[in-house]
Amino acid sequence: AITEGIIKLVTDQAEKQGFRKCLGITIAVGDFSGIVPACIEEVFPLAAKGSAAEGAELSFTKSEDQFRCYVEYLTVE
């Protein structure tokens, strides 16, 4: 569900901002958010196939908000 939410966010922003391809996604993850970056990395390529997020490089940062996970940045083309 988290990965699908990330792809939906990218797809929505692609429509809103008019970009074709997302090159990179930076995700901020809090210590107690319950998010496991390795799990997102594993399923992301398959889930993103055919979307503006396909091929995007994922990177993760630590969030000061310890209980949340959110997309910090999108690098687009």
Protein backbone atom coordinates (compact mmCIF):
# COMPACT_ATOMS: atom_id res chain seq x y z
CA ALA A 1 0.00 0.00 0.00
CA ILE A 2 2.84 2.41 0.79
CA THR A 3 4.52 1.79 -2.57
CA GLU A 4 1.21 2.20 -4.41
CA GLY A 5 0.70 5.51 -2.58
CA ILE A 6 4.12 6.73 -3.70
CA ILE A 7 3.36 5.82 -7.32
CA LYS A 8 -0.04 7.52 -7.11
CA LEU A 9 1.60 10.66 -5.78
CA VAL A 10 4.08 10.66 -8.68
CA THR A 11 1.31 9.99 -11.22
CA ASP A 12 -0.86 12.78 -9.79
CA GLN A 13 2.05 15.23 -9.82
CA ALA A 14 2.98 14.22 -13.38
CA GLU A 15 -0.53 15.13 -14.51
CA LYS A 16 -0.60 18.35 -12.46
CA GLN A 17 2.92 19.57 -13.34
CA GLY A 18 3.15 18.11 -16.84
CA PHE A 19 6.33 16.05 -16.51
CA ARG A 20 6.76 12.75 -18.33
CA LYS A 21 9.20 10.89 -16.14
CA CYS A 22 10.24 10.90 -12.51
CA LEU A 23 13.99 10.32 -12.20
CA GLY A 24 14.26 10.17 -8.43
CA ILE A 25 12.17 9.99 -5.29
CA THR A 26 13.46 10.89 -1.83
CA ILE A 27 11.40 9.42 0.99
CA ALA A 28 11.72 10.58 4.60
CA VAL A 29 11.17 7.75 7.07
CA GLY A 30 10.71 8.16 10.82
CA ASP A 31 12.27 5.67 13.23
CA PHE A 32 8.87 4.46 14.45
CA SER A 33 6.92 4.76 11.18
CA GLY A 34 6.89 1.00 10.58
CA ILE A 35 8.30 1.52 7.08
CA VAL A 36 11.06 -0.83 5.90
CA PRO A 37 12.93 0.84 3.01
CA ALA A 38 14.23 -2.52 1.70
CA CYS A 39 10.64 -3.73 1.22
CA ILE A 40 9.71 -0.62 -0.79
CA GLU A 41 12.87 -0.99 -2.89
CA GLU A 42 12.02 -4.62 -3.63
CA VAL A 43 8.47 -4.10 -4.90
CA PHE A 44 8.85 -0.63 -6.43
CA PRO A 45 10.16 -1.66 -9.89
CA LEU A 46 7.24 -4.01 -10.54
CA ALA A 47 4.62 -1.67 -9.08
CA ALA A 48 5.94 1.35 -11.02
CA LYS A 49 6.02 -0.41 -14.39
CA GLY A 50 4.23 1.65 -17.05
CA SER A 51 3.90 4.75 -14.84
CA ALA A 52 5.80 8.05 -14.68
CA ALA A 53 7.66 6.51 -11.71
CA GLU A 54 9.11 3.62 -13.74
CA GLY A 55 12.90 3.61 -13.45
CA ALA A 56 13.00 6.29 -10.74
CA GLU A 57 15.84 6.02 -8.26
CA LEU A 58 14.68 5.72 -4.66
CA SER A 59 16.58 7.27 -1.79
CA PHE A 60 15.67 7.38 1.88
CA THR A 61 16.43 9.95 4.56
CA LYS A 62 15.70 9.95 8.26
CA SER A 63 12.70 12.04 9.27
CA GLU A 64 12.75 14.11 12.43
CA ASP A 65 9.04 13.27 12.77
CA GLN A 66 9.64 9.78 14.15
CA PHE A 67 6.20 8.34 13.42
CA ARG A 68 5.72 9.45 9.79
CA CYS A 69 6.82 8.58 6.29
CA TYR A 70 6.48 11.04 3.41
CA VAL A 71 7.94 11.89 0.02
CA GLU A 72 10.37 14.79 0.44
CA TYR A 73 11.48 15.39 -3.15
CA LEU A 74 10.74 14.33 -6.71
CA THR A 75 13.39 14.78 -9.39
CA VAL A 76 11.61 14.98 -12.73
CA GLU A 77 12.34 15.19 -16.45
